[in-house]
Amino acid sequence: MNITDTAMVLAKIQAFNNRTFDQPAIQAWHDTIGDLDLTDSLNAVSEYFRESKEWIMPSDIRHGVKKIREDRIGKIRTDIRIREEDEDYDNVKLSVARKKHLYNLVASGSISPEEYHAYHAGTFELPDMPKAITK
């Protein structure tokens, strides 16, 4: 997220509990949640206030985003793995980069469970799959 995105997350929090955030507060929040996805963060705020009336903190958003990502991974109902033909046994770093890429695509919701299974069936190509990494 950029600082404007972080301000959007804080505006959503404000809508729930009339809490106000000045520029230093926005920056402080950005320093702690700025690496998260905007949509996931907004959804984490909604989920938090479905269950709590307490003031939300950055750690609550981080926890909520982690749960959202874990739920996406859980929908696959299998270990996240790349296809055998995408393994590069001569370049372990490339194989690891490809596995991380696939994991992040699933966790972020960039590909659906159906697309994951189509990838393994050979009928779907992963976007931006790493092609080469220096050994």
C-alpha atoms as a PDB file:
ATOM      1  CA  MET A   1       0.000   0.000   0.000  1.00  0.00           C
ATOM      2  CA  ASN A   2       1.037   3.570  -0.400  1.00  0.00           C
ATOM      3  CA  ILE A   3       0.334   6.266   2.198  1.00  0.00           C
ATOM      4  CA  THR A   4      -2.969   7.185   0.517  1.00  0.00           C
ATOM      5  CA  ASP A   5      -4.099   3.555   0.716  1.00  0.00           C
ATOM      6  CA  THR A   6      -3.213   3.467   4.396  1.00  0.00           C
ATOM      7  CA  ALA A   7      -5.302   6.613   4.897  1.00  0.00           C
ATOM      8  CA  MET A   8      -8.206   4.788   3.212  1.00  0.00           C
ATOM      9  CA  VAL A   9      -7.898   1.951   5.728  1.00  0.00           C
ATOM     10  CA  LEU A  10      -7.913   4.473   8.559  1.00  0.00           C
ATOM     11  CA  ALA A  11     -10.932   6.241   7.059  1.00  0.00           C
ATOM     12  CA  LYS A  12     -12.779   2.933   7.188  1.00  0.00           C
ATOM     13  CA  ILE A  13     -11.799   2.502  10.834  1.00  0.00           C
ATOM     14  CA  GLN A  14     -13.039   6.044  11.494  1.00  0.00           C
ATOM     15  CA  ALA A  15     -16.380   5.137   9.945  1.00  0.00           C
ATOM     16  CA  PHE A  16     -16.817   2.441  12.588  1.00  0.00           C
ATOM     17  CA  ASN A  17     -15.805   4.308  15.723  1.00  0.00           C
ATOM     18  CA  ASN A  18     -15.346   8.020  14.920  1.00  0.00           C
ATOM     19  CA  ARG A  19     -11.659   7.767  15.721  1.00  0.00           C
ATOM     20  CA  THR A  20      -9.586  10.509  14.088  1.00  0.00           C
ATOM     21  CA  PHE A  21      -6.132  10.142  12.553  1.00  0.00           C
ATOM     22  CA  ASP A  22      -3.749  13.018  11.914  1.00  0.00           C
ATOM     23  CA  GLN A  23      -0.784  12.896   9.520  1.00  0.00           C
ATOM     24  CA  PRO A  24       1.698  11.518  12.098  1.00  0.00           C
ATOM     25  CA  ALA A  25      -0.783   8.770  12.989  1.00  0.00           C
ATOM     26  CA  ILE A  26      -1.299   7.916   9.324  1.00  0.00           C
ATOM     27  CA  GLN A  27       2.469   7.656   8.891  1.00  0.00           C
ATOM     28  CA  ALA A  28       2.824   5.487  11.997  1.00  0.00           C
ATOM     29  CA  TRP A  29       0.126   3.123  10.751  1.00  0.00           C
ATOM     30  CA  HIS A  30       1.698   3.091   7.306  1.00  0.00           C
ATOM     31  CA  ASP A  31       5.028   2.109   8.861  1.00  0.00           C
ATOM     32  CA  THR A  32       3.343  -0.946  10.420  1.00  0.00           C
ATOM     33  CA  ILE A  33       0.785  -2.032   7.783  1.00  0.00           C
ATOM     34  CA  GLY A  34       2.053  -0.416   4.572  1.00  0.00           C
ATOM     35  CA  ASP A  35       3.408  -3.714   3.259  1.00  0.00           C
ATOM     36  CA  LEU A  36      -0.081  -5.274   3.263  1.00  0.00           C
ATOM     37  CA  ASP A  37      -2.566  -5.426   0.402  1.00  0.00           C
ATOM     38  CA  LEU A  38      -5.193  -2.646   0.409  1.00  0.00           C
ATOM     39  CA  THR A  39      -8.217  -4.839  -0.316  1.00  0.00           C
ATOM     40  CA  ASP A  40      -7.180  -7.430   2.252  1.00  0.00           C
ATOM     41  CA  SER A  41      -6.601  -4.685   4.829  1.00  0.00           C
ATOM     42  CA  LEU A  42     -10.029  -3.156   4.221  1.00  0.00           C
ATOM     43  CA  ASN A  43     -11.604  -6.592   4.528  1.00  0.00           C
ATOM     44  CA  ALA A  44      -9.669  -7.225   7.739  1.00  0.00           C
ATOM     45  CA  VAL A  45     -11.149  -4.035   9.222  1.00  0.00           C
ATOM     46  CA  SER A  46     -14.670  -5.203   8.359  1.00  0.00           C
ATOM     47  CA  GLU A  47     -14.036  -8.655   9.799  1.00  0.00           C
ATOM     48  CA  TYR A  48     -12.594  -7.166  12.976  1.00  0.00           C
ATOM     49  CA  PHE A  49     -15.631  -5.004  13.634  1.00  0.00           C
ATOM     50  CA  ARG A  50     -17.994  -7.923  12.975  1.00  0.00           C
ATOM     51  CA  GLU A  51     -16.626  -9.511  16.136  1.00  0.00           C
ATOM     52  CA  SER A  52     -15.314  -6.654  18.273  1.00  0.00           C
ATOM     53  CA  LYS A  53     -16.275  -3.245  19.555  1.00  0.00           C
ATOM     54  CA  GLU A  54     -12.743  -2.529  20.817  1.00  0.00           C
ATOM     55  CA  TRP A  55     -10.374  -0.095  19.139  1.00  0.00           C
ATOM     56  CA  ILE A  56      -8.479  -1.759  16.345  1.00  0.00           C
ATOM     57  CA  MET A  57      -4.699  -1.640  16.242  1.00  0.00           C
ATOM     58  CA  PRO A  58      -2.201  -2.322  13.445  1.00  0.00           C
ATOM     59  CA  SER A  59      -1.523  -5.805  14.818  1.00  0.00           C
ATOM     60  CA  ASP A  60      -5.242  -6.584  14.492  1.00  0.00           C
ATOM     61  CA  ILE A  61      -5.126  -5.697  10.803  1.00  0.00           C
ATOM     62  CA  ARG A  62      -1.955  -7.739  10.292  1.00  0.00           C
ATOM     63  CA  HIS A  63      -3.639 -10.697  12.004  1.00  0.00           C
ATOM     64  CA  GLY A  64      -6.788 -10.253   9.904  1.00  0.00           C
ATOM     65  CA  VAL A  65      -4.856 -10.119   6.628  1.00  0.00           C
ATOM     66  CA  LYS A  66      -2.898 -13.217   7.639  1.00  0.00           C
ATOM     67  CA  LYS A  67      -6.178 -15.051   8.270  1.00  0.00           C
ATOM     68  CA  ILE A  68      -7.589 -13.930   4.901  1.00  0.00           C
ATOM     69  CA  ARG A  69      -4.475 -15.263   3.133  1.00  0.00           C
ATOM     70  CA  GLU A  70      -4.570 -18.537   5.102  1.00  0.00           C
ATOM     71  CA  ASP A  71      -8.236 -18.987   4.193  1.00  0.00           C
ATOM     72  CA  ARG A  72      -7.373 -18.630   0.498  1.00  0.00           C
ATOM     73  CA  ILE A  73      -4.617 -21.215   0.849  1.00  0.00           C
ATOM     74  CA  GLY A  74      -7.021 -23.524   2.686  1.00  0.00           C
ATOM     75  CA  LYS A  75      -9.471 -23.439  -0.212  1.00  0.00           C
ATOM     76  CA  ILE A  76      -6.957 -25.314  -2.349  1.00  0.00           C
ATOM     77  CA  ARG A  77      -7.187 -28.258   0.085  1.00  0.00           C
ATOM     78  CA  THR A  78      -3.732 -29.508  -0.799  1.00  0.00           C
ATOM     79  CA  ASP A  79      -0.122 -28.509  -0.400  1.00  0.00           C
ATOM     80  CA  ILE A  80       0.706 -25.616  -2.680  1.00  0.00           C
ATOM     81  CA  ARG A  81       3.186 -27.021  -5.172  1.00  0.00           C
ATOM     82  CA  ILE A  82       4.441 -26.282  -8.629  1.00  0.00           C
ATOM     83  CA  ARG A  83       4.075 -28.722 -11.512  1.00  0.00           C
ATOM     84  CA  GLU A  84       6.860 -31.223 -12.050  1.00  0.00           C
ATOM     85  CA  GLU A  85       7.765 -29.576 -15.359  1.00  0.00           C
ATOM     86  CA  ASP A  86       8.294 -26.244 -13.535  1.00  0.00           C
ATOM     87  CA  GLU A  87      10.814 -27.795 -11.139  1.00  0.00           C
ATOM     88  CA  ASP A  88      14.433 -27.045 -12.021  1.00  0.00           C
ATOM     89  CA  TYR A  89      16.605 -29.514 -10.167  1.00  0.00           C
ATOM     90  CA  ASP A  90      19.753 -27.880 -11.554  1.00  0.00           C
ATOM     91  CA  ASN A  91      18.696 -24.482 -10.201  1.00  0.00           C
ATOM     92  CA  VAL A  92      17.136 -24.888  -6.768  1.00  0.00           C
ATOM     93  CA  LYS A  93      16.812 -21.115  -6.315  1.00  0.00           C
ATOM     94  CA  LEU A  94      14.609 -20.942  -9.405  1.00  0.00           C
ATOM     95  CA  SER A  95      12.391 -23.767  -8.155  1.00  0.00           C
ATOM     96  CA  VAL A  96      12.064 -22.068  -4.766  1.00  0.00           C
ATOM     97  CA  ALA A  97      11.242 -18.733  -6.440  1.00  0.00           C
ATOM     98  CA  ARG A  98       8.554 -20.439  -8.523  1.00  0.00           C
ATOM     99  CA  LYS A  99       7.052 -22.115  -5.447  1.00  0.00           C
ATOM    100  CA  LYS A 100       6.981 -18.805  -3.561  1.00  0.00           C
ATOM    101  CA  HIS A 101       5.432 -17.107  -6.579  1.00  0.00           C
ATOM    102  CA  LEU A 102       2.657 -19.703  -6.783  1.00  0.00           C
ATOM    103  CA  TYR A 103       2.048 -19.536  -3.036  1.00  0.00           C
ATOM    104  CA  ASN A 104       1.735 -15.733  -3.192  1.00  0.00           C
ATOM    105  CA  LEU A 105      -0.625 -15.912  -6.180  1.00  0.00           C
ATOM    106  CA  VAL A 106      -2.934 -18.228  -4.240  1.00  0.00           C
ATOM    107  CA  ALA A 107      -2.646 -16.375  -0.921  1.00  0.00           C
ATOM    108  CA  SER A 108      -3.305 -12.991  -2.510  1.00  0.00           C
ATOM    109  CA  GLY A 109      -6.319 -14.261  -4.424  1.00  0.00           C
ATOM    110  CA  SER A 110      -4.630 -13.454  -7.740  1.00  0.00           C
ATOM    111  CA  ILE A 111      -5.544 -16.935  -8.927  1.00  0.00           C
ATOM    112  CA  SER A 112      -8.596 -18.899  -7.870  1.00  0.00           C
ATOM    113  CA  PRO A 113      -8.659 -22.489  -6.648  1.00  0.00           C
ATOM    114  CA  GLU A 114     -10.033 -23.430 -10.070  1.00  0.00           C
ATOM    115  CA  GLU A 115      -7.103 -21.727 -11.807  1.00  0.00           C
ATOM    116  CA  TYR A 116      -4.668 -23.484  -9.453  1.00  0.00           C
ATOM    117  CA  HIS A 117      -6.125 -26.853 -10.422  1.00  0.00           C
ATOM    118  CA  ALA A 118      -6.155 -25.856 -14.116  1.00  0.00           C
ATOM    119  CA  TYR A 119      -2.447 -24.971 -13.785  1.00  0.00           C
ATOM    120  CA  HIS A 120      -1.762 -28.501 -12.536  1.00  0.00           C
ATOM    121  CA  ALA A 121      -3.870 -29.925 -15.355  1.00  0.00           C
ATOM    122  CA  GLY A 122      -1.740 -27.967 -17.822  1.00  0.00           C
ATOM    123  CA  THR A 123      -4.585 -25.777 -19.076  1.00  0.00           C
ATOM    124  CA  PHE A 124      -3.636 -22.548 -17.265  1.00  0.00           C
ATOM    125  CA  GLU A 125      -0.325 -20.698 -17.218  1.00  0.00           C
ATOM    126  CA  LEU A 126       0.671 -18.771 -14.122  1.00  0.00           C
ATOM    127  CA  PRO A 127       1.127 -15.039 -14.655  1.00  0.00           C
ATOM    128  CA  ASP A 128       4.675 -13.710 -14.284  1.00  0.00           C
ATOM    129  CA  MET A 129       6.211 -17.108 -13.501  1.00  0.00           C
ATOM    130  CA  PRO A 130       9.943 -16.632 -12.801  1.00  0.00           C
ATOM    131  CA  LYS A 131      11.919 -17.739 -15.873  1.00  0.00           C
ATOM    132  CA  ALA A 132      15.499 -17.487 -14.659  1.00  0.00           C
ATOM    133  CA  ILE A 133      17.501 -16.812 -11.543  1.00  0.00           C
ATOM    134  CA  THR A 134      21.265 -16.648 -11.365  1.00  0.00           C
ATOM    135  CA  LYS A 135      22.638 -19.696  -9.572  1.00  0.00           C
END
